[in-house]
N, C-alpha and C. Protein backbone atom coordinates (compact mmCIF):
# COMPACT_ATOMS: atom_id res chain seq x y z
N MET A 1 19.67 -49.27 162.31
CA MET A 1 20.11 -50.41 162.83
C MET A 1 19.08 -51.47 162.33
N ILE A 2 19.48 -52.46 162.26
CA ILE A 2 18.57 -53.73 162.18
C ILE A 2 18.26 -54.37 163.30
N SER A 3 17.28 -54.85 163.49
CA SER A 3 16.37 -55.17 164.87
C SER A 3 16.94 -56.75 164.92
N PHE A 4 16.94 -57.38 166.24
CA PHE A 4 17.51 -58.72 166.11
C PHE A 4 16.71 -59.17 165.21
N LYS A 5 15.25 -59.29 166.05
CA LYS A 5 14.07 -60.33 164.61
C LYS A 5 14.92 -60.38 163.36
N LYS A 6 14.85 -58.96 162.69
CA LYS A 6 15.47 -59.03 161.48
C LYS A 6 16.71 -59.55 161.27
N TRP A 7 17.35 -59.32 161.78
CA TRP A 7 18.61 -60.13 161.64
C TRP A 7 18.69 -61.28 161.84
N ASN A 8 18.04 -62.02 162.60
CA ASN A 8 17.61 -63.87 162.65
C ASN A 8 17.18 -64.31 161.47
N LEU A 9 16.41 -63.36 160.99
CA LEU A 9 14.96 -63.77 159.84
C LEU A 9 16.01 -63.65 158.67
N PHE A 10 16.57 -62.83 158.51
CA PHE A 10 17.89 -62.97 157.53
C PHE A 10 19.05 -64.03 157.75
N LEU A 11 19.83 -64.48 158.59
CA LEU A 11 20.64 -65.25 158.65
C LEU A 11 19.85 -66.78 158.20
N THR A 12 18.76 -66.75 159.16
CA THR A 12 17.99 -68.30 158.77
C THR A 12 18.13 -68.33 157.36
N PHE A 13 16.93 -66.82 156.48
CA PHE A 13 16.81 -67.08 155.30
C PHE A 13 18.32 -67.53 154.31
N GLY A 14 19.36 -66.62 154.60
CA GLY A 14 20.81 -67.10 153.96
C GLY A 14 20.91 -68.39 154.32
N LEU A 15 20.90 -68.90 155.32
CA LEU A 15 21.33 -70.50 155.51
C LEU A 15 20.86 -70.93 154.72
N PHE A 16 19.43 -71.27 154.64
CA PHE A 16 18.71 -71.79 153.95
C PHE A 16 19.11 -71.85 152.72
N LEU A 17 19.41 -70.67 151.84
CA LEU A 17 19.42 -70.46 150.73
C LEU A 17 20.51 -71.15 150.51
N SER A 18 21.33 -71.11 151.30
CA SER A 18 22.79 -71.66 150.81
C SER A 18 22.91 -72.85 151.13
N VAL A 19 22.67 -73.38 151.93
CA VAL A 19 22.42 -75.47 152.05
C VAL A 19 21.62 -75.67 151.17
N SER A 20 20.31 -74.89 150.84
CA SER A 20 19.60 -75.56 149.40
C SER A 20 20.26 -75.16 147.92
N TYR A 21 20.82 -73.92 147.94
CA TYR A 21 21.47 -73.92 146.95
C TYR A 21 22.55 -74.75 146.56
N GLY A 22 23.30 -75.24 147.43
CA GLY A 22 25.09 -75.81 147.97
C GLY A 22 24.07 -76.90 147.17
N GLN A 23 22.83 -77.79 147.93
CA GLN A 23 22.88 -79.26 147.48
C GLN A 23 22.15 -79.08 146.17
N SER A 24 21.48 -78.10 145.52
CA SER A 24 21.05 -78.12 144.75
C SER A 24 22.29 -78.01 143.14
N ILE A 25 23.02 -77.66 143.71
CA ILE A 25 24.47 -77.60 142.25
C ILE A 25 25.20 -78.73 142.58
N GLN A 26 25.19 -79.37 143.34
CA GLN A 26 25.99 -80.84 143.55
C GLN A 26 26.59 -81.25 142.08
N SER A 27 25.42 -81.57 141.14
CA SER A 27 25.43 -82.44 140.55
C SER A 27 26.30 -81.40 138.79
N LEU A 28 27.05 -82.16 138.57
CA LEU A 28 27.52 -81.17 137.40
C LEU A 28 26.99 -80.86 136.23
N PRO A 29 27.12 -80.00 135.17
CA PRO A 29 26.44 -79.29 134.25
C PRO A 29 26.19 -80.83 133.11
N GLU A 30 25.04 -80.57 132.01
CA GLU A 30 25.37 -81.40 131.20
C GLU A 30 25.74 -80.85 130.32
N ASN A 31 25.88 -81.28 128.78
CA ASN A 31 26.96 -80.92 127.73
C ASN A 31 28.23 -80.18 128.06
N MET A 32 28.98 -80.47 129.27
CA MET A 32 30.18 -79.72 129.12
C MET A 32 31.04 -80.12 128.09
N PRO A 33 31.77 -79.25 127.36
CA PRO A 33 32.49 -79.16 126.27
C PRO A 33 34.14 -80.60 126.90
N PHE A 34 34.16 -81.39 125.78
CA PHE A 34 34.65 -82.63 126.27
C PHE A 34 35.94 -82.27 127.19
N HIS A 35 36.95 -81.38 127.00
CA HIS A 35 37.88 -81.49 127.91
C HIS A 35 37.93 -80.64 129.24
N THR A 36 36.19 -80.12 129.34
CA THR A 36 35.94 -79.90 130.47
C THR A 36 35.77 -81.01 131.12
N LYS A 37 35.07 -82.26 130.54
CA LYS A 37 35.06 -83.39 131.22
C LYS A 37 35.86 -84.17 131.64
N LEU A 38 37.01 -84.21 131.12
CA LEU A 38 38.29 -84.68 131.10
C LEU A 38 39.18 -84.09 132.68
N LEU A 39 38.65 -82.80 132.59
CA LEU A 39 39.49 -82.14 133.79
C LEU A 39 38.34 -82.39 135.01
N TRP A 40 37.15 -81.81 134.96
CA TRP A 40 36.22 -81.58 135.71
C TRP A 40 35.06 -82.58 136.24
N GLY A 41 35.04 -83.67 135.06
CA GLY A 41 34.17 -84.61 135.16
C GLY A 41 33.94 -85.17 136.44
N GLU A 42 32.91 -85.74 137.10
CA GLU A 42 33.05 -86.72 138.02
C GLU A 42 34.28 -87.85 138.42
N SER A 43 34.97 -88.09 137.32
CA SER A 43 36.19 -88.40 137.95
C SER A 43 37.39 -87.86 136.87
N GLY A 44 36.92 -86.75 136.48
CA GLY A 44 38.14 -85.75 136.39
C GLY A 44 39.51 -85.84 136.61
N LEU A 45 40.27 -85.27 135.76
CA LEU A 45 41.98 -85.28 136.69
C LEU A 45 41.76 -84.74 138.00
N PHE A 46 41.61 -83.19 137.95
CA PHE A 46 41.60 -82.59 138.99
C PHE A 46 40.57 -83.18 140.53
N ARG A 47 39.76 -84.35 139.75
CA ARG A 47 39.44 -84.71 141.23
C ARG A 47 40.30 -85.69 141.57
N GLN A 48 40.80 -86.49 140.65
CA GLN A 48 41.34 -87.61 140.72
C GLN A 48 43.16 -87.44 141.84
N ILE A 49 43.36 -86.29 141.39
CA ILE A 49 44.45 -85.43 142.21
C ILE A 49 44.68 -84.81 143.27
N LYS A 50 43.05 -84.72 143.46
CA LYS A 50 42.67 -83.81 144.68
C LYS A 50 42.85 -82.18 144.49
N LEU A 51 42.59 -81.90 143.28
CA LEU A 51 42.70 -80.61 143.20
C LEU A 51 41.61 -79.34 143.15
N ALA A 52 40.58 -80.05 143.08
CA ALA A 52 38.96 -79.75 142.69
C ALA A 52 38.54 -79.07 144.28
N PRO A 53 38.49 -78.09 144.18
CA PRO A 53 37.32 -77.59 145.18
C PRO A 53 36.58 -78.30 146.32
N GLU A 54 36.50 -78.46 147.40
CA GLU A 54 35.39 -79.34 148.37
C GLU A 54 33.80 -79.20 147.69
N THR A 55 33.56 -78.16 147.69
CA THR A 55 32.29 -78.04 147.36
C THR A 55 31.83 -77.10 145.64
N ARG A 56 31.02 -77.66 145.27
CA ARG A 56 30.39 -76.51 143.94
C ARG A 56 30.55 -75.43 143.70
N GLN A 57 29.96 -74.90 145.06
CA GLN A 57 29.96 -73.93 145.27
C GLN A 57 31.21 -72.84 145.06
N LYS A 58 32.35 -73.29 145.71
CA LYS A 58 33.73 -72.96 145.56
C LYS A 58 34.32 -73.31 144.10
N GLU A 59 33.53 -73.86 143.64
CA GLU A 59 34.49 -74.59 141.79
C GLU A 59 33.92 -73.22 141.22
N LEU A 60 32.15 -72.89 141.52
CA LEU A 60 31.81 -71.75 140.59
C LEU A 60 32.58 -70.27 141.24
N LEU A 61 33.08 -69.93 142.65
CA LEU A 61 33.77 -69.15 143.01
C LEU A 61 35.28 -69.32 141.87
N LEU A 62 36.00 -70.16 141.70
CA LEU A 62 37.05 -69.98 141.22
C LEU A 62 37.12 -69.49 139.84
N ARG A 63 35.78 -70.08 139.51
CA ARG A 63 35.86 -69.96 138.12
C ARG A 63 35.72 -68.77 137.72
N VAL A 64 34.71 -68.33 138.38
CA VAL A 64 34.48 -66.62 138.16
C VAL A 64 35.92 -66.11 138.54
N LYS A 65 36.54 -65.84 139.35
CA LYS A 65 37.89 -65.48 139.44
C LYS A 65 38.75 -65.53 138.14
N MET A 66 38.72 -67.28 138.10
CA MET A 66 40.01 -67.30 136.43
C MET A 66 39.20 -66.88 135.53
N LEU A 67 38.22 -66.86 135.35
CA LEU A 67 37.57 -66.34 134.07
C LEU A 67 37.68 -64.53 134.03
N GLN A 68 37.69 -64.10 135.12
CA GLN A 68 37.82 -62.30 135.17
C GLN A 68 39.12 -62.61 134.73
N LEU A 69 39.91 -63.07 135.47
CA LEU A 69 41.80 -63.05 135.28
C LEU A 69 41.98 -63.18 133.82
N HIS A 70 41.34 -63.69 132.90
CA HIS A 70 41.45 -64.46 131.92
C HIS A 70 41.18 -63.37 130.98
N GLN A 71 39.65 -62.59 131.16
CA GLN A 71 39.20 -61.36 130.40
C GLN A 71 40.37 -60.54 130.73
N LYS A 72 40.85 -60.17 131.23
CA LYS A 72 41.57 -59.01 131.80
C LYS A 72 43.29 -59.19 131.12
N LEU A 73 43.37 -60.59 131.29
CA LEU A 73 45.02 -60.82 130.42
C LEU A 73 44.72 -60.89 129.07
N ALA A 74 43.41 -61.07 128.49
CA ALA A 74 43.02 -61.46 127.22
C ALA A 74 43.03 -60.11 126.62
N LEU A 75 42.33 -58.79 127.02
CA LEU A 75 42.32 -57.89 126.28
C LEU A 75 43.33 -57.06 126.90
N GLY A 76 44.64 -57.44 127.72
CA GLY A 76 45.81 -57.30 127.65
C GLY A 76 46.96 -57.65 126.33
N SER A 77 46.64 -58.97 126.68
CA SER A 77 47.33 -59.38 125.20
C SER A 77 47.00 -58.97 123.82
N LEU A 78 45.39 -58.65 123.68
CA LEU A 78 45.01 -58.30 122.52
C LEU A 78 45.52 -56.64 121.95
N GLY A 79 45.65 -55.76 122.84
CA GLY A 79 46.54 -54.88 122.85
C GLY A 79 47.98 -54.57 122.52
N LEU A 80 48.50 -55.65 123.17
CA LEU A 80 49.92 -56.04 123.40
C LEU A 80 50.26 -56.46 121.52
N PHE A 81 49.22 -57.40 121.41
CA PHE A 81 49.09 -57.91 119.80
C PHE A 81 49.13 -57.01 118.31
N PHE A 82 48.28 -55.94 119.06
CA PHE A 82 48.20 -54.88 118.04
C PHE A 82 49.39 -54.12 118.13
N TYR A 83 50.29 -53.87 118.97
CA TYR A 83 51.09 -52.96 118.92
C TYR A 83 52.41 -53.92 118.23
N GLN A 84 52.35 -55.13 118.39
CA GLN A 84 53.36 -56.30 117.89
C GLN A 84 53.07 -56.56 116.85
N ALA A 85 51.79 -56.38 116.30
CA ALA A 85 51.61 -56.59 114.71
C ALA A 85 51.86 -55.21 113.96
N TYR A 86 51.80 -54.04 114.72
CA TYR A 86 52.43 -52.56 114.03
C TYR A 86 53.94 -52.77 114.07
N ILE A 87 54.66 -53.09 114.57
CA ILE A 87 56.05 -53.35 114.66
C ILE A 87 56.45 -54.20 113.50
N GLY A 88 55.71 -55.57 113.39
CA GLY A 88 55.74 -56.42 112.59
C GLY A 88 55.92 -56.06 110.72
N LYS A 89 54.67 -54.66 111.05
CA LYS A 89 54.38 -54.50 109.73
C LYS A 89 55.26 -53.06 109.46
N GLN A 90 56.06 -52.56 110.43
CA GLN A 90 57.35 -51.86 110.34
C GLN A 90 58.57 -52.34 109.35
N MET A 91 58.65 -53.54 110.64
CA MET A 91 59.80 -54.26 109.85
C MET A 91 59.59 -54.68 108.06
N ALA A 92 58.70 -55.27 108.26
CA ALA A 92 58.39 -55.72 106.38
C ALA A 92 58.30 -54.35 105.50
N ASP A 93 58.21 -53.14 105.92
CA ASP A 93 58.25 -51.98 105.26
C ASP A 93 59.71 -52.00 104.89
N GLY A 94 60.73 -51.72 105.60
CA GLY A 94 61.96 -51.64 105.24
C GLY A 94 62.73 -51.24 106.69
N ASN A 95 62.15 -51.41 107.61
CA ASN A 95 62.59 -51.07 109.10
C ASN A 95 63.12 -52.18 109.90
N TYR A 96 63.66 -53.38 109.02
CA TYR A 96 64.08 -54.61 109.69
C TYR A 96 64.92 -54.47 110.60
N ALA A 97 66.01 -53.55 110.64
CA ALA A 97 67.27 -53.72 111.55
C ALA A 97 66.79 -53.08 112.85
N LYS A 98 66.11 -51.72 112.34
CA LYS A 98 65.32 -50.74 113.79
C LYS A 98 64.52 -51.61 114.92
N TYR A 99 63.73 -52.24 114.02
CA TYR A 99 62.60 -53.11 115.15
C TYR A 99 62.83 -54.26 115.17
N HIS A 100 63.64 -55.22 114.96
CA HIS A 100 64.04 -56.42 115.06
C HIS A 100 64.16 -56.96 116.37
N ASP A 101 64.78 -56.45 117.18
CA ASP A 101 65.05 -56.83 118.98
C ASP A 101 63.45 -56.69 119.34
N LEU A 102 62.76 -55.47 118.72
CA LEU A 102 61.82 -55.13 119.95
C LEU A 102 60.83 -56.49 119.61
N HIS A 103 60.66 -56.38 118.21
CA HIS A 103 59.86 -57.47 117.89
C HIS A 103 59.69 -59.28 118.62
N ALA A 104 61.15 -59.11 118.51
CA ALA A 104 61.34 -60.29 118.86
C ALA A 104 61.21 -60.30 120.86
N SER A 105 61.34 -59.02 120.98
CA SER A 105 61.43 -59.17 122.58
C SER A 105 60.07 -59.04 122.86
N MET A 106 58.98 -58.11 121.72
CA MET A 106 57.30 -58.10 122.31
C MET A 106 56.84 -59.92 121.91
N SER A 107 57.51 -60.14 121.27
CA SER A 107 56.73 -61.96 120.69
C SER A 107 56.67 -62.35 122.25
N LYS A 108 57.52 -62.40 122.79
CA LYS A 108 57.67 -63.30 123.76
C LYS A 108 56.62 -63.06 124.73
N VAL A 109 56.54 -61.57 125.20
CA VAL A 109 55.63 -60.97 126.04
C VAL A 109 53.87 -61.55 125.73
N VAL A 110 53.80 -61.24 124.35
CA VAL A 110 52.79 -61.55 123.40
C VAL A 110 52.28 -62.96 123.98
N TRP A 111 52.97 -63.46 123.43
CA TRP A 111 52.56 -65.24 123.63
C TRP A 111 52.75 -65.73 124.59
N SER A 112 53.34 -65.31 126.08
CA SER A 112 52.92 -65.56 127.48
C SER A 112 52.16 -65.33 127.75
N SER A 113 51.48 -63.80 127.51
CA SER A 113 50.18 -63.26 128.50
C SER A 113 49.25 -64.30 127.72
N TYR A 114 49.25 -64.26 126.33
CA TYR A 114 48.31 -64.97 125.33
C TYR A 114 47.89 -66.36 126.41
N MET A 115 48.95 -67.35 126.49
CA MET A 115 49.02 -68.27 126.60
C MET A 115 48.67 -68.50 128.34
N THR A 116 49.22 -67.34 129.13
CA THR A 116 48.81 -67.27 130.46
C THR A 116 47.23 -67.38 130.72
N SER A 117 46.85 -66.22 129.75
CA SER A 117 44.96 -66.21 129.27
C SER A 117 44.25 -67.18 128.83
N ALA A 118 44.61 -68.02 128.22
CA ALA A 118 43.78 -69.38 127.58
C ALA A 118 44.32 -70.23 128.76
N ALA A 119 45.26 -70.34 129.17
CA ALA A 119 45.05 -71.31 130.22
C ALA A 119 43.98 -71.15 131.22
N LEU A 120 43.83 -70.01 132.04
CA LEU A 120 42.75 -69.67 132.41
C LEU A 120 41.29 -70.09 132.44
N SER A 121 41.49 -70.15 131.18
CA SER A 121 40.00 -70.35 130.47
C SER A 121 39.91 -71.86 130.05
N TYR A 122 40.87 -72.38 129.77
CA TYR A 122 40.81 -73.67 129.44
C TYR A 122 40.95 -74.54 130.86
N PHE A 123 41.77 -74.57 131.75
CA PHE A 123 41.29 -74.95 133.16
C PHE A 123 40.54 -74.51 134.31
N ALA A 124 39.62 -73.19 133.82
CA ALA A 124 38.72 -73.10 134.60
C ALA A 124 37.61 -74.22 134.79
N PRO A 125 37.13 -74.45 136.47
CA PRO A 125 35.92 -75.19 136.20
C PRO A 125 34.57 -75.03 135.72
N PRO A 126 33.79 -76.47 135.68
CA PRO A 126 32.39 -76.26 134.61
C PRO A 126 31.69 -75.13 135.62
N GLY A 127 30.71 -74.45 134.06
CA GLY A 127 29.90 -73.37 134.92
C GLY A 127 28.38 -74.30 135.38
N MET A 128 28.12 -73.59 135.61
CA MET A 128 26.25 -73.50 136.35
C MET A 128 25.85 -74.90 134.87
N LYS A 129 25.71 -74.40 133.78
CA LYS A 129 24.84 -74.88 132.61
C LYS A 129 25.70 -74.34 131.06
N TYR A 130 25.57 -75.41 129.98
CA TYR A 130 26.10 -75.26 128.91
C TYR A 130 24.91 -75.21 128.09
N SER A 131 24.75 -74.69 127.30
CA SER A 131 23.51 -74.85 126.09
C SER A 131 24.08 -75.48 125.01
N LYS A 132 23.11 -75.98 124.33
CA LYS A 132 23.39 -76.52 122.58
C LYS A 132 23.16 -75.11 121.52
N LYS A 133 22.34 -74.25 122.17
CA LYS A 133 22.12 -73.17 121.26
C LYS A 133 23.34 -72.31 120.80
N LEU A 134 22.99 -71.94 119.71
CA LEU A 134 24.07 -70.53 119.17
C LEU A 134 24.35 -69.65 120.12
N SER A 135 25.10 -68.84 121.10
CA SER A 135 25.25 -67.35 121.40
C SER A 135 26.65 -67.18 121.35
N SER A 136 27.08 -66.12 121.67
CA SER A 136 28.30 -65.08 121.88
C SER A 136 29.18 -66.20 122.67
N MET A 137 29.06 -66.68 123.65
CA MET A 137 29.65 -67.19 124.04
C MET A 137 30.26 -69.08 123.47
N LYS A 138 29.46 -69.10 122.74
CA LYS A 138 29.58 -70.43 122.19
C LYS A 138 30.71 -69.83 120.58
N ILE A 139 30.33 -68.82 120.04
CA ILE A 139 30.90 -68.20 119.14
C ILE A 139 32.52 -67.75 119.44
N HIS A 140 32.51 -67.46 120.81
CA HIS A 140 33.83 -67.27 121.16
C HIS A 140 35.07 -68.19 121.87
N ARG A 141 34.03 -69.24 122.16
CA ARG A 141 34.58 -70.36 122.51
C ARG A 141 35.09 -70.97 120.85
N ILE A 142 34.53 -71.01 119.88
CA ILE A 142 34.76 -71.68 118.78
C ILE A 142 36.18 -71.06 117.86
N LEU A 143 35.84 -69.73 118.00
CA LEU A 143 37.18 -68.68 117.52
C LEU A 143 38.20 -68.98 118.66
N SER A 144 38.01 -69.40 119.70
CA SER A 144 39.26 -69.39 120.65
C SER A 144 40.01 -70.79 119.71
N TRP A 145 39.42 -71.88 119.33
CA TRP A 145 40.67 -72.32 118.52
C TRP A 145 41.12 -72.07 117.34
N VAL A 146 40.80 -71.37 116.72
CA VAL A 146 41.30 -70.68 115.45
C VAL A 146 42.56 -69.89 116.20
N HIS A 147 42.13 -68.61 117.12
CA HIS A 147 43.10 -67.74 117.54
C HIS A 147 44.41 -68.82 118.42
N PHE A 148 43.71 -69.74 118.96
CA PHE A 148 44.80 -70.48 119.83
C PHE A 148 45.40 -71.33 119.08
N ALA A 149 45.19 -71.93 117.89
CA ALA A 149 45.96 -72.47 116.58
C ALA A 149 47.01 -71.29 115.93
N GLY A 150 46.74 -70.43 116.10
CA GLY A 150 47.32 -69.23 115.51
C GLY A 150 48.70 -68.60 116.19
N MET A 151 48.13 -68.54 117.69
CA MET A 151 49.29 -68.07 118.42
C MET A 151 50.26 -69.07 118.62
N ALA A 152 49.63 -70.18 118.85
CA ALA A 152 50.69 -71.86 118.99
C ALA A 152 51.95 -71.82 117.47
N SER A 153 51.27 -71.21 116.38
CA SER A 153 51.83 -71.38 115.35
C SER A 153 53.26 -70.05 114.94
N ILE A 154 52.59 -68.80 115.38
CA ILE A 154 53.31 -68.06 114.76
C ILE A 154 54.53 -68.30 114.88
N PRO A 155 55.36 -68.50 116.02
CA PRO A 155 56.95 -68.34 116.79
C PRO A 155 57.51 -69.41 115.58
N PHE A 156 56.58 -70.29 115.57
CA PHE A 156 57.26 -71.37 114.21
C PHE A 156 57.73 -70.62 113.12
N LEU A 157 56.42 -69.73 112.56
CA LEU A 157 56.30 -69.56 111.49
C LEU A 157 57.16 -68.07 111.44
N GLY A 158 57.63 -67.12 112.39
CA GLY A 158 58.53 -66.15 112.60
C GLY A 158 60.25 -66.53 112.49
N TYR A 159 60.10 -67.68 113.13
CA TYR A 159 61.69 -68.46 112.85
C TYR A 159 61.73 -68.94 111.34
N ASN A 160 60.62 -69.55 110.92
CA ASN A 160 60.95 -70.29 109.98
C ASN A 160 61.50 -69.32 108.81
N ILE A 161 61.05 -67.93 109.33
CA ILE A 161 61.73 -67.07 107.97
C ILE A 161 62.83 -66.95 107.42
N HIS A 162 63.43 -66.92 108.62
CA HIS A 162 65.04 -66.73 108.61
C HIS A 162 65.97 -68.05 107.68
N HIS A 163 64.87 -69.34 107.83
CA HIS A 163 65.81 -70.19 107.60
C HIS A 163 64.75 -71.25 106.39
N ALA A 164 64.18 -70.08 105.64
CA ALA A 164 63.40 -70.48 104.84
C ALA A 164 63.67 -70.62 103.74
N ALA A 165 63.75 -71.08 102.22
CA ALA A 165 64.23 -70.97 101.20
C ALA A 165 63.69 -69.94 100.19
N ASP A 166 62.29 -69.84 100.58
CA ASP A 166 61.75 -68.62 99.50
C ASP A 166 61.14 -67.82 101.12
N TYR A 167 62.30 -66.62 101.22
CA TYR A 167 62.37 -65.24 102.11
C TYR A 167 60.45 -64.71 102.58
N ASN A 168 59.99 -64.43 101.14
CA ASN A 168 58.85 -63.35 100.98
C ASN A 168 57.86 -64.51 101.27
N LYS A 169 57.67 -66.27 100.65
CA LYS A 169 56.71 -67.12 100.97
C LYS A 169 56.39 -67.06 102.31
N ALA A 170 57.57 -67.31 103.13
CA ALA A 170 57.46 -67.45 104.66
C ALA A 170 57.13 -65.97 105.28
N LEU A 171 57.12 -65.14 104.88
CA LEU A 171 56.85 -63.78 105.76
C LEU A 171 55.30 -63.73 105.39
N THR A 172 54.97 -64.17 103.94
CA THR A 172 53.42 -63.78 103.83
C THR A 172 52.91 -64.70 104.84
N LEU A 173 52.96 -66.13 105.03
CA LEU A 173 52.27 -66.76 105.59
C LEU A 173 52.76 -66.26 106.79
N HIS A 174 53.66 -65.88 107.43
CA HIS A 174 53.36 -65.54 109.06
C HIS A 174 52.68 -64.20 109.35
N GLN A 175 52.50 -63.72 108.37
CA GLN A 175 51.65 -62.07 108.34
C GLN A 175 50.52 -62.55 108.02
N ASN A 176 50.28 -63.44 107.68
CA ASN A 176 48.82 -63.80 107.46
C ASN A 176 47.83 -65.03 108.19
N VAL A 177 49.08 -65.65 108.64
CA VAL A 177 48.15 -66.23 110.50
C VAL A 177 48.36 -65.12 111.50
N ALA A 178 49.23 -64.27 111.34
CA ALA A 178 49.17 -63.57 112.50
C ALA A 178 48.12 -62.34 112.19
N ALA A 179 47.41 -62.00 110.60
CA ALA A 179 46.20 -61.32 110.75
C ALA A 179 45.05 -62.01 110.98
N VAL A 180 45.34 -62.99 110.83
CA VAL A 180 43.88 -63.94 111.06
C VAL A 180 43.83 -64.54 112.78
N THR A 181 44.82 -64.50 113.46
CA THR A 181 44.80 -64.68 114.62
C THR A 181 44.57 -63.39 115.29
N LEU A 182 45.16 -62.44 114.85
CA LEU A 182 44.79 -60.78 115.26
C LEU A 182 43.11 -60.84 115.12
N VAL A 183 42.65 -61.02 114.08
CA VAL A 183 41.12 -60.60 113.52
C VAL A 183 40.30 -61.69 114.75
N THR A 184 40.52 -62.70 114.88
CA THR A 184 39.50 -63.80 115.31
C THR A 184 39.58 -63.55 117.01
N MET A 185 40.64 -62.82 117.57
CA MET A 185 41.02 -62.71 118.66
C MET A 185 40.28 -60.91 119.02
N SER A 186 40.14 -60.24 118.06
CA SER A 186 39.14 -59.09 118.66
C SER A 186 37.94 -59.39 118.46
N ILE A 187 37.42 -60.60 117.47
CA ILE A 187 36.06 -60.54 117.06
C ILE A 187 35.59 -61.59 119.24
N SER A 188 36.47 -62.58 119.20
CA SER A 188 36.17 -63.13 120.14
C SER A 188 36.36 -62.05 121.68
N ALA A 189 36.82 -60.97 121.59
CA ALA A 189 37.05 -60.08 122.63
C ALA A 189 35.74 -59.22 122.86
N LEU A 190 35.35 -58.54 121.85
CA LEU A 190 34.06 -57.81 121.16
C LEU A 190 32.80 -58.90 121.76
N LEU A 191 32.55 -60.40 121.20
CA LEU A 191 31.76 -61.14 121.66
C LEU A 191 31.45 -60.95 122.93
N THR A 192 32.79 -60.37 124.05
CA THR A 192 32.32 -61.26 125.47
C THR A 192 31.62 -59.90 126.24
N PHE A 193 31.30 -58.74 125.29
CA PHE A 193 31.00 -57.69 125.47
C PHE A 193 29.07 -57.71 124.94
N LEU A 194 28.68 -58.98 124.41
CA LEU A 194 27.41 -58.91 124.33
C LEU A 194 26.74 -59.94 125.48
N PRO A 195 25.19 -59.90 125.38
CA PRO A 195 24.52 -60.55 126.07
C PRO A 195 24.86 -62.04 125.89
N TYR A 196 24.40 -63.40 126.52
CA TYR A 196 24.81 -64.47 126.16
C TYR A 196 23.64 -64.79 125.71
């Protein structure tokens, strides 16, 4: 059992830390990415429309929850995307009729889970600080623009295969963009396991 004096000291110390911690982080970090400034800056969109939490501490807790969910969904999306790539390869190797419907259905699942994951990261509140140094997380963010562009274009490129004058050229473009997207997503995922 904790004695009353120790418990009281613990509560007082905890209150002191939470008050001083809360006050010390009221200011927003420097070097925020441009989109984060637009959304979460002092006059950012979420503050203007009153969607931002009341305190910076609550923002940081929301950030942690959003990024943890982002990571889980992103890893799930990556696994689904590998399966989707396998199905696409089967189609290209002559099993088109057998795998077409599954490929079309899976593409909606992969795309939706990926975009949900991307939104969780993109719309998350700002972190405590942003460094100008090159780090695993900075490379992760740079690669995210590449695989986001790829994922945004893959459905259009897949649709275009059926309507293109040159079927083989359209198929090759779709496959190449999908491959680059899959590789950059894989590297991004691996980078999250490295120290920042």
